[in-house]
């Protein structure tokens, strides 16, 4: 299988556990979203994600829609990843560089989708890379507040 992943990386001046906790809380996703598509966690969504958790998000990309995600990767404080019916995975990795700085990597992995070439022809990986870079900038701004 071809490697179909794209990642954005940023070093943020905050402890890894603090940054991980932002991503593990679906109610914070709209605050950090750099794509402009994430609106809010749906009613009934748990406050904190863990392996196997299902969580719904209200989204908007041209039109409003709802998406149900499932956490498929989880290592407390280090890795969290989820996917939905499209089978692509959004993965976050946190590597403490010291007590106050963390390397954060957000990855969009479309290797599991049925028609990966369609994603590529539609420019989804490029668009998502720009959004992930914006998301990491927003995350940095939020932790500085």
Protein backbone atom coordinates (compact mmCIF):
# COMPACT_ATOMS: atom_id res chain seq x y z
CA UNK A 1 0.00 0.00 0.00
CA UNK A 2 1.28 3.43 -0.93
CA UNK A 3 2.12 5.82 1.89
CA UNK A 4 -0.71 8.31 1.82
CA UNK A 5 -0.09 10.57 4.77
CA UNK A 6 0.66 14.23 5.15
CA UNK A 7 1.74 15.91 8.39
CA UNK A 8 2.23 19.34 9.90
CA UNK A 9 4.66 19.83 12.78
CA UNK A 10 5.10 22.70 15.22
CA UNK A 11 7.03 23.20 18.43
CA UNK A 12 4.74 24.83 20.98
CA UNK A 13 5.80 26.39 24.28
CA UNK A 14 3.54 24.35 26.54
CA UNK A 15 3.76 21.01 28.34
CA UNK A 16 2.75 17.96 26.29
CA UNK A 17 -0.03 16.92 28.69
CA UNK A 18 -1.68 20.33 28.43
CA UNK A 19 -1.71 20.17 24.63
CA UNK A 20 -2.87 16.55 24.61
CA UNK A 21 -5.76 17.47 26.90
CA UNK A 22 -6.96 20.09 24.40
CA UNK A 23 -7.20 17.50 21.64
CA UNK A 24 -8.68 14.85 23.96
CA UNK A 25 -11.57 17.26 24.71
CA UNK A 26 -13.93 17.40 21.69
CA UNK A 27 -15.47 20.65 22.95
CA UNK A 28 -12.10 22.33 22.22
CA UNK A 29 -11.81 21.15 18.60
CA UNK A 30 -13.65 24.15 17.14
CA UNK A 31 -11.31 26.49 19.04
CA UNK A 32 -8.20 25.10 17.39
CA UNK A 33 -9.58 24.10 13.98
CA UNK A 34 -7.68 25.87 11.22
CA UNK A 35 -9.92 24.60 8.42
CA UNK A 36 -13.01 26.52 9.46
CA UNK A 37 -15.14 23.37 9.16
CA UNK A 38 -15.44 22.22 12.78
CA UNK A 39 -18.35 23.95 14.51
CA UNK A 40 -19.01 22.13 17.81
CA UNK A 41 -19.20 18.82 19.59
CA UNK A 42 -22.65 17.29 19.31
CA UNK A 43 -24.86 16.74 22.35
CA UNK A 44 -23.99 13.48 24.07
CA UNK A 45 -20.33 13.63 23.08
CA UNK A 46 -18.09 12.59 25.98
CA UNK A 47 -15.95 15.26 27.66
CA UNK A 48 -12.75 13.28 27.14
CA UNK A 49 -11.67 10.88 24.44
CA UNK A 50 -10.04 7.50 24.94
CA UNK A 51 -9.53 4.39 22.82
CA UNK A 52 -12.83 3.26 21.31
CA UNK A 53 -14.74 6.45 22.16
CA UNK A 54 -17.30 7.53 19.58
CA UNK A 55 -17.93 11.26 19.32
CA UNK A 56 -20.05 13.40 17.06
CA UNK A 57 -19.09 16.76 15.61
CA UNK A 58 -21.15 19.41 13.86
CA UNK A 59 -19.33 20.54 10.73
CA UNK A 60 -19.70 22.93 7.83
CA UNK A 61 -18.05 22.69 4.43
CA UNK A 62 -20.32 24.50 2.01
CA UNK A 63 -23.27 23.06 3.91
CA UNK A 64 -23.78 21.92 7.49
CA UNK A 65 -23.42 18.24 8.32
CA UNK A 66 -22.68 15.96 11.27
CA UNK A 67 -19.97 13.35 11.49
CA UNK A 68 -19.44 10.46 13.90
CA UNK A 69 -15.82 9.66 14.71
CA UNK A 70 -14.23 6.76 16.59
CA UNK A 71 -10.91 6.94 18.46
CA UNK A 72 -8.72 4.23 16.91
CA UNK A 73 -5.30 5.17 18.34
CA UNK A 74 -4.61 6.26 21.88
CA UNK A 75 -1.61 6.50 24.16
CA UNK A 76 -2.24 8.85 27.07
CA UNK A 77 -0.35 12.11 26.67
CA UNK A 78 1.35 10.99 23.45
CA UNK A 79 -0.95 9.86 20.61
CA UNK A 80 -4.62 10.18 19.73
CA UNK A 81 -6.20 9.38 16.39
CA UNK A 82 -9.74 9.02 15.09
CA UNK A 83 -11.56 8.11 11.93
CA UNK A 84 -15.09 8.17 10.60
CA UNK A 85 -16.95 6.43 7.79
CA UNK A 86 -14.54 7.88 5.20
CA UNK A 87 -11.83 5.68 6.79
CA UNK A 88 -9.18 8.39 6.81
CA UNK A 89 -7.44 9.00 10.13
CA UNK A 90 -6.63 12.26 11.89
CA UNK A 91 -3.67 11.54 14.19
CA UNK A 92 -2.06 13.79 16.78
CA UNK A 93 1.35 13.06 18.32
CA UNK A 94 2.93 14.93 21.22
CA UNK A 95 6.63 14.70 22.05
CA UNK A 96 7.90 16.59 25.07
CA UNK A 97 11.17 18.34 24.23
CA UNK A 98 11.51 19.54 27.81
CA UNK A 99 9.11 20.56 30.59
CA UNK A 100 7.78 23.57 28.68
CA UNK A 101 8.13 22.74 24.97
CA UNK A 102 6.37 20.11 22.92
CA UNK A 103 6.67 19.00 19.33
CA UNK A 104 3.13 18.49 18.02
CA UNK A 105 2.50 16.56 14.81
CA UNK A 106 -0.93 16.43 13.19
CA UNK A 107 -1.28 13.86 10.42
CA UNK A 108 -3.97 13.25 7.83
CA UNK A 109 -3.75 9.59 6.73
CA UNK A 110 -5.90 8.64 3.76
CA UNK A 111 -4.20 5.28 3.07
CA UNK A 112 -7.31 3.38 4.21
CA UNK A 113 -9.86 5.09 1.98
CA UNK A 114 -11.50 3.21 -0.89
CA UNK A 115 -10.56 5.72 -3.61
CA UNK A 116 -7.35 7.47 -2.51
CA UNK A 117 -6.68 8.88 -6.00
CA UNK A 118 -10.02 10.71 -5.83
CA UNK A 119 -8.84 12.42 -2.62
CA UNK A 120 -5.62 13.43 -4.35
CA UNK A 121 -7.29 14.66 -7.54
CA UNK A 122 -9.69 16.74 -5.44
CA UNK A 123 -6.71 18.36 -3.68
CA UNK A 124 -7.81 17.19 -0.25
CA UNK A 125 -4.31 16.39 1.10
CA UNK A 126 -2.95 19.82 0.07
CA UNK A 127 -5.97 21.62 1.52
CA UNK A 128 -5.72 19.61 4.72
CA UNK A 129 -2.01 20.38 5.08
CA UNK A 130 -2.75 24.12 5.01
CA UNK A 131 -5.55 23.60 7.53
CA UNK A 132 -3.32 21.54 9.84
CA UNK A 133 -0.63 24.23 9.78
CA UNK A 134 -3.30 26.80 10.71
CA UNK A 135 -4.63 24.49 13.43
CA UNK A 136 -1.21 24.20 15.05
CA UNK A 137 -0.83 28.00 14.98
CA UNK A 138 -4.25 28.37 16.61
CA UNK A 139 -3.35 25.78 19.24
CA UNK A 140 -0.22 27.76 20.09
CA UNK A 141 -2.25 30.97 20.39
CA UNK A 142 -4.81 29.33 22.68
CA UNK A 143 -2.23 28.01 25.13
CA UNK A 144 -0.61 31.45 25.35
CA UNK A 145 -3.88 32.98 26.61
